[in-house]
Amino acid sequence: MKNALIAIGCTILAVSVIFAGPVLAQPAPEKMADDVVAGINTERQRLGLAPLAVNESLMLMARWRSEDMATGGYFSHQPPDGHPTLDDLLARLGYDWQYRPAENISAVRPLLTRSAAPYLAIDSWRDSPGHWRWAMSPEQTMTGVGVAISRDGTVIVTQLFWDPYSAPPSER
């Protein structure tokens, strides 16, 4: 009986290490946001485009958007009533920008490790011509990325794009 209990305990420990171990070493949302910026800039450079500069105001807005979706239980470019829009966030920061930032959002559910989330988000945008057009637009010069994790473990990624003189990218 004692050996059986030890065996059960070892099995539980092994399963815990296999499934919970990666959870203990998950990257912080800020690190995941940096990975998204780096990944998008790598793709831009492959196409001969200039890398996007990180804009702290856009970083803050993107983080607010991701956190609001994660805590508010929704995933949409158009937030439900009572949740801030991009225009609300711009006003909160005191900006009156001529063009509203473009927004890419992604919700990914990595199975064992969240370190894959930035790359899964980038892949989801690559598979969507409209989202990828914003990310690879030569007219965009600045970006901000925010990451939040919902209660169910879904990683919500928001990437904003902006240039003070740009209009939306042309159809390619």
C-alpha atoms as a PDB file:
ATOM      1  CA  MET A   1       0.000   0.000   0.000  1.00  0.00           C
ATOM      2  CA  LYS A   2       2.836   2.373   0.892  1.00  0.00           C
ATOM      3  CA  ASN A   3       4.566   1.707  -2.457  1.00  0.00           C
ATOM      4  CA  ALA A   4       1.291   2.295  -4.301  1.00  0.00           C
ATOM      5  CA  LEU A   5       0.850   5.681  -2.594  1.00  0.00           C
ATOM      6  CA  ILE A   6       4.440   6.625  -3.421  1.00  0.00           C
ATOM      7  CA  ALA A   7       3.864   5.625  -7.061  1.00  0.00           C
ATOM      8  CA  ILE A   8       0.660   7.677  -7.221  1.00  0.00           C
ATOM      9  CA  GLY A   9       2.450  10.646  -5.634  1.00  0.00           C
ATOM     10  CA  CYS A  10       5.312  10.401  -8.133  1.00  0.00           C
ATOM     11  CA  THR A  11       2.854  10.192 -11.030  1.00  0.00           C
ATOM     12  CA  ILE A  12       1.002  13.284  -9.799  1.00  0.00           C
ATOM     13  CA  LEU A  13       4.307  15.124  -9.386  1.00  0.00           C
ATOM     14  CA  ALA A  14       5.459  14.135 -12.878  1.00  0.00           C
ATOM     15  CA  VAL A  15       2.169  15.198 -14.469  1.00  0.00           C
ATOM     16  CA  SER A  16       2.312  18.481 -12.538  1.00  0.00           C
ATOM     17  CA  VAL A  17       5.820  19.185 -13.784  1.00  0.00           C
ATOM     18  CA  ILE A  18       4.897  18.311 -17.368  1.00  0.00           C
ATOM     19  CA  PHE A  19       1.716  20.395 -17.489  1.00  0.00           C
ATOM     20  CA  ALA A  20       2.258  23.059 -14.840  1.00  0.00           C
ATOM     21  CA  GLY A  21       6.011  23.444 -15.213  1.00  0.00           C
ATOM     22  CA  PRO A  22       5.870  25.652 -18.309  1.00  0.00           C
ATOM     23  CA  VAL A  23       3.165  27.776 -16.669  1.00  0.00           C
ATOM     24  CA  LEU A  24       5.595  28.678 -13.878  1.00  0.00           C
ATOM     25  CA  ALA A  25       8.125  30.057 -16.356  1.00  0.00           C
ATOM     26  CA  GLN A  26       5.788  32.049 -18.592  1.00  0.00           C
ATOM     27  CA  PRO A  27       7.064  35.289 -20.092  1.00  0.00           C
ATOM     28  CA  ALA A  28       5.578  38.530 -18.836  1.00  0.00           C
ATOM     29  CA  PRO A  29       3.114  40.369 -21.092  1.00  0.00           C
ATOM     30  CA  GLU A  30       5.723  43.106 -21.650  1.00  0.00           C
ATOM     31  CA  LYS A  31       8.230  40.540 -22.962  1.00  0.00           C
ATOM     32  CA  MET A  32       5.595  39.079 -25.271  1.00  0.00           C
ATOM     33  CA  ALA A  33       4.811  42.591 -26.579  1.00  0.00           C
ATOM     34  CA  ASP A  34       8.512  43.155 -27.299  1.00  0.00           C
ATOM     35  CA  ASP A  35       8.599  39.813 -29.152  1.00  0.00           C
ATOM     36  CA  VAL A  36       5.676  40.890 -31.359  1.00  0.00           C
ATOM     37  CA  VAL A  37       7.427  44.162 -32.255  1.00  0.00           C
ATOM     38  CA  ALA A  38      10.647  42.278 -33.026  1.00  0.00           C
ATOM     39  CA  GLY A  39       8.815  39.657 -35.100  1.00  0.00           C
ATOM     40  CA  ILE A  40       6.896  42.211 -37.162  1.00  0.00           C
ATOM     41  CA  ASN A  41      10.056  44.259 -37.715  1.00  0.00           C
ATOM     42  CA  THR A  42      11.919  41.139 -38.865  1.00  0.00           C
ATOM     43  CA  GLU A  43       9.173  40.503 -41.435  1.00  0.00           C
ATOM     44  CA  ARG A  44       9.263  44.145 -42.552  1.00  0.00           C
ATOM     45  CA  GLN A  45      13.028  44.048 -42.999  1.00  0.00           C
ATOM     46  CA  ARG A  46      12.707  40.867 -45.115  1.00  0.00           C
ATOM     47  CA  LEU A  47      10.519  42.917 -47.453  1.00  0.00           C
ATOM     48  CA  GLY A  48      12.983  45.807 -47.510  1.00  0.00           C
ATOM     49  CA  LEU A  49      10.777  48.012 -45.308  1.00  0.00           C
ATOM     50  CA  ALA A  50      11.983  50.195 -42.484  1.00  0.00           C
ATOM     51  CA  PRO A  51      11.323  48.824 -39.001  1.00  0.00           C
ATOM     52  CA  LEU A  52       8.499  50.345 -37.001  1.00  0.00           C
ATOM     53  CA  ALA A  53       9.585  52.618 -34.156  1.00  0.00           C
ATOM     54  CA  VAL A  54       8.045  51.916 -30.775  1.00  0.00           C
ATOM     55  CA  ASN A  55       5.849  54.777 -29.576  1.00  0.00           C
ATOM     56  CA  GLU A  56       5.190  54.750 -25.830  1.00  0.00           C
ATOM     57  CA  SER A  57       1.717  56.283 -26.178  1.00  0.00           C
ATOM     58  CA  LEU A  58       0.762  53.579 -28.658  1.00  0.00           C
ATOM     59  CA  MET A  59       2.224  50.954 -26.297  1.00  0.00           C
ATOM     60  CA  LEU A  60       0.040  52.257 -23.490  1.00  0.00           C
ATOM     61  CA  MET A  61      -3.093  52.372 -25.665  1.00  0.00           C
ATOM     62  CA  ALA A  62      -2.465  48.854 -26.970  1.00  0.00           C
ATOM     63  CA  ARG A  63      -1.976  47.541 -23.435  1.00  0.00           C
ATOM     64  CA  TRP A  64      -5.217  49.241 -22.319  1.00  0.00           C
ATOM     65  CA  ARG A  65      -7.076  47.652 -25.257  1.00  0.00           C
ATOM     66  CA  SER A  66      -5.746  44.153 -24.553  1.00  0.00           C
ATOM     67  CA  GLU A  67      -6.404  44.439 -20.817  1.00  0.00           C
ATOM     68  CA  ASP A  68      -9.935  45.704 -21.423  1.00  0.00           C
ATOM     69  CA  MET A  69     -10.702  42.778 -23.737  1.00  0.00           C
ATOM     70  CA  ALA A  70      -9.145  40.266 -21.323  1.00  0.00           C
ATOM     71  CA  THR A  71     -11.019  41.546 -18.259  1.00  0.00           C
ATOM     72  CA  GLY A  72     -14.198  42.502 -20.133  1.00  0.00           C
ATOM     73  CA  GLY A  73     -14.661  39.082 -21.702  1.00  0.00           C
ATOM     74  CA  TYR A  74     -14.890  40.264 -25.308  1.00  0.00           C
ATOM     75  CA  PHE A  75     -12.695  40.192 -28.410  1.00  0.00           C
ATOM     76  CA  SER A  76     -13.519  42.777 -31.048  1.00  0.00           C
ATOM     77  CA  HIS A  77     -12.293  45.899 -32.808  1.00  0.00           C
ATOM     78  CA  GLN A  78     -15.609  47.450 -31.732  1.00  0.00           C
ATOM     79  CA  PRO A  79     -15.846  47.255 -27.943  1.00  0.00           C
ATOM     80  CA  PRO A  80     -19.254  46.756 -26.345  1.00  0.00           C
ATOM     81  CA  ASP A  81     -21.046  49.652 -24.678  1.00  0.00           C
ATOM     82  CA  GLY A  82     -19.248  50.863 -21.588  1.00  0.00           C
ATOM     83  CA  HIS A  83     -15.785  49.919 -22.877  1.00  0.00           C
ATOM     84  CA  PRO A  84     -13.361  52.475 -24.340  1.00  0.00           C
ATOM     85  CA  THR A  85     -12.867  52.834 -28.077  1.00  0.00           C
ATOM     86  CA  LEU A  86      -9.558  53.841 -29.636  1.00  0.00           C
ATOM     87  CA  ASP A  87     -10.893  57.392 -29.861  1.00  0.00           C
ATOM     88  CA  ASP A  88     -11.647  57.310 -26.115  1.00  0.00           C
ATOM     89  CA  LEU A  89      -8.096  56.150 -25.403  1.00  0.00           C
ATOM     90  CA  LEU A  90      -6.629  58.861 -27.622  1.00  0.00           C
ATOM     91  CA  ALA A  91      -8.652  61.464 -25.731  1.00  0.00           C
ATOM     92  CA  ARG A  92      -7.556  59.969 -22.396  1.00  0.00           C
ATOM     93  CA  LEU A  93      -3.948  60.561 -23.461  1.00  0.00           C
ATOM     94  CA  GLY A  94      -4.764  64.102 -24.597  1.00  0.00           C
ATOM     95  CA  TYR A  95      -4.097  63.467 -28.282  1.00  0.00           C
ATOM     96  CA  ASP A  96      -5.972  64.937 -31.193  1.00  0.00           C
ATOM     97  CA  TRP A  97      -4.342  62.929 -33.963  1.00  0.00           C
ATOM     98  CA  GLN A  98      -5.394  63.563 -37.532  1.00  0.00           C
ATOM     99  CA  TYR A  99      -5.531  59.832 -38.261  1.00  0.00           C
ATOM    100  CA  ARG A 100      -6.711  57.216 -35.836  1.00  0.00           C
ATOM    101  CA  PRO A 101      -4.194  54.390 -35.319  1.00  0.00           C
ATOM    102  CA  ALA A 102      -4.826  51.164 -37.190  1.00  0.00           C
ATOM    103  CA  GLU A 103      -5.388  48.149 -34.973  1.00  0.00           C
ATOM    104  CA  ASN A 104      -4.565  44.476 -35.307  1.00  0.00           C
ATOM    105  CA  ILE A 105      -5.866  42.163 -32.595  1.00  0.00           C
ATOM    106  CA  SER A 106      -5.313  38.479 -31.979  1.00  0.00           C
ATOM    107  CA  ALA A 107      -6.514  36.013 -29.376  1.00  0.00           C
ATOM    108  CA  VAL A 108      -4.354  32.912 -29.087  1.00  0.00           C
ATOM    109  CA  ARG A 109      -4.525  29.946 -26.782  1.00  0.00           C
ATOM    110  CA  PRO A 110      -1.038  28.411 -26.505  1.00  0.00           C
ATOM    111  CA  LEU A 111      -1.242  24.861 -25.199  1.00  0.00           C
ATOM    112  CA  LEU A 112       1.810  24.517 -22.968  1.00  0.00           C
ATOM    113  CA  THR A 113       3.766  27.736 -23.140  1.00  0.00           C
ATOM    114  CA  ARG A 114       2.816  31.343 -23.646  1.00  0.00           C
ATOM    115  CA  SER A 115       6.220  32.101 -25.143  1.00  0.00           C
ATOM    116  CA  ALA A 116       4.722  30.957 -28.469  1.00  0.00           C
ATOM    117  CA  ALA A 117       1.867  33.490 -28.243  1.00  0.00           C
ATOM    118  CA  PRO A 118       3.645  36.378 -30.022  1.00  0.00           C
ATOM    119  CA  TYR A 119       4.483  34.169 -32.993  1.00  0.00           C
ATOM    120  CA  LEU A 120       0.983  32.670 -33.108  1.00  0.00           C
ATOM    121  CA  ALA A 121      -0.445  36.210 -33.158  1.00  0.00           C
ATOM    122  CA  ILE A 122       1.880  37.228 -35.991  1.00  0.00           C
ATOM    123  CA  ASP A 123       0.927  34.077 -37.923  1.00  0.00           C
ATOM    124  CA  SER A 124      -2.777  34.847 -37.481  1.00  0.00           C
ATOM    125  CA  TRP A 125      -2.238  38.324 -38.939  1.00  0.00           C
ATOM    126  CA  ARG A 126      -0.148  36.921 -41.796  1.00  0.00           C
ATOM    127  CA  ASP A 127      -3.123  34.690 -42.678  1.00  0.00           C
ATOM    128  CA  SER A 128      -5.418  37.744 -42.868  1.00  0.00           C
ATOM    129  CA  PRO A 129      -4.619  39.994 -45.858  1.00  0.00           C
ATOM    130  CA  GLY A 130      -6.155  43.100 -44.255  1.00  0.00           C
ATOM    131  CA  HIS A 131      -4.252  42.685 -41.000  1.00  0.00           C
ATOM    132  CA  TRP A 132      -0.998  41.866 -42.777  1.00  0.00           C
ATOM    133  CA  ARG A 133      -1.389  44.908 -45.053  1.00  0.00           C
ATOM    134  CA  TRP A 134      -1.346  47.177 -41.984  1.00  0.00           C
ATOM    135  CA  ALA A 135       1.665  45.414 -40.482  1.00  0.00           C
ATOM    136  CA  MET A 136       3.640  45.568 -43.724  1.00  0.00           C
ATOM    137  CA  SER A 137       2.519  49.013 -44.870  1.00  0.00           C
ATOM    138  CA  PRO A 138       5.440  51.294 -45.761  1.00  0.00           C
ATOM    139  CA  GLU A 139       3.182  54.215 -44.814  1.00  0.00           C
ATOM    140  CA  GLN A 140       3.226  53.196 -41.144  1.00  0.00           C
ATOM    141  CA  THR A 141       6.256  54.251 -39.114  1.00  0.00           C
ATOM    142  CA  MET A 142       5.276  53.709 -35.465  1.00  0.00           C
ATOM    143  CA  THR A 143       3.800  50.895 -33.448  1.00  0.00           C
ATOM    144  CA  GLY A 144       2.676  49.946 -29.994  1.00  0.00           C
ATOM    145  CA  VAL A 145       1.871  46.456 -28.741  1.00  0.00           C
ATOM    146  CA  GLY A 146      -0.048  45.425 -25.658  1.00  0.00           C
ATOM    147  CA  VAL A 147      -0.576  41.930 -24.303  1.00  0.00           C
ATOM    148  CA  ALA A 148      -2.947  40.710 -21.602  1.00  0.00           C
ATOM    149  CA  ILE A 149      -3.966  37.280 -20.413  1.00  0.00           C
ATOM    150  CA  SER A 150      -7.618  36.494 -19.786  1.00  0.00           C
ATOM    151  CA  ARG A 151      -8.912  34.336 -16.944  1.00  0.00           C
ATOM    152  CA  ASP A 152      -9.100  31.293 -19.214  1.00  0.00           C
ATOM    153  CA  GLY A 153      -5.461  31.694 -20.325  1.00  0.00           C
ATOM    154  CA  THR A 154      -6.167  33.253 -23.719  1.00  0.00           C
ATOM    155  CA  VAL A 155      -3.438  35.702 -24.700  1.00  0.00           C
ATOM    156  CA  ILE A 156      -4.928  38.889 -26.164  1.00  0.00           C
ATOM    157  CA  VAL A 157      -2.512  40.835 -28.377  1.00  0.00           C
ATOM    158  CA  THR A 158      -3.208  44.320 -29.724  1.00  0.00           C
ATOM    159  CA  GLN A 159      -0.844  46.020 -32.163  1.00  0.00           C
ATOM    160  CA  LEU A 160      -1.432  49.631 -33.174  1.00  0.00           C
ATOM    161  CA  PHE A 161       0.139  51.303 -36.217  1.00  0.00           C
ATOM    162  CA  TRP A 162       0.431  54.995 -36.868  1.00  0.00           C
ATOM    163  CA  ASP A 163       2.239  57.699 -38.746  1.00  0.00           C
ATOM    164  CA  PRO A 164       1.518  61.402 -38.310  1.00  0.00           C
ATOM    165  CA  TYR A 165       1.143  61.899 -42.065  1.00  0.00           C
ATOM    166  CA  SER A 166      -0.304  58.609 -43.191  1.00  0.00           C
ATOM    167  CA  ALA A 167      -3.604  57.540 -44.575  1.00  0.00           C
ATOM    168  CA  PRO A 168      -4.663  53.883 -44.663  1.00  0.00           C
ATOM    169  CA  PRO A 169      -2.367  51.681 -46.776  1.00  0.00           C
ATOM    170  CA  SER A 170      -3.266  51.186 -50.384  1.00  0.00           C
ATOM    171  CA  GLU A 171      -4.652  47.881 -51.593  1.00  0.00           C
ATOM    172  CA  ARG A 172      -1.840  45.673 -52.852  1.00  0.00           C
END
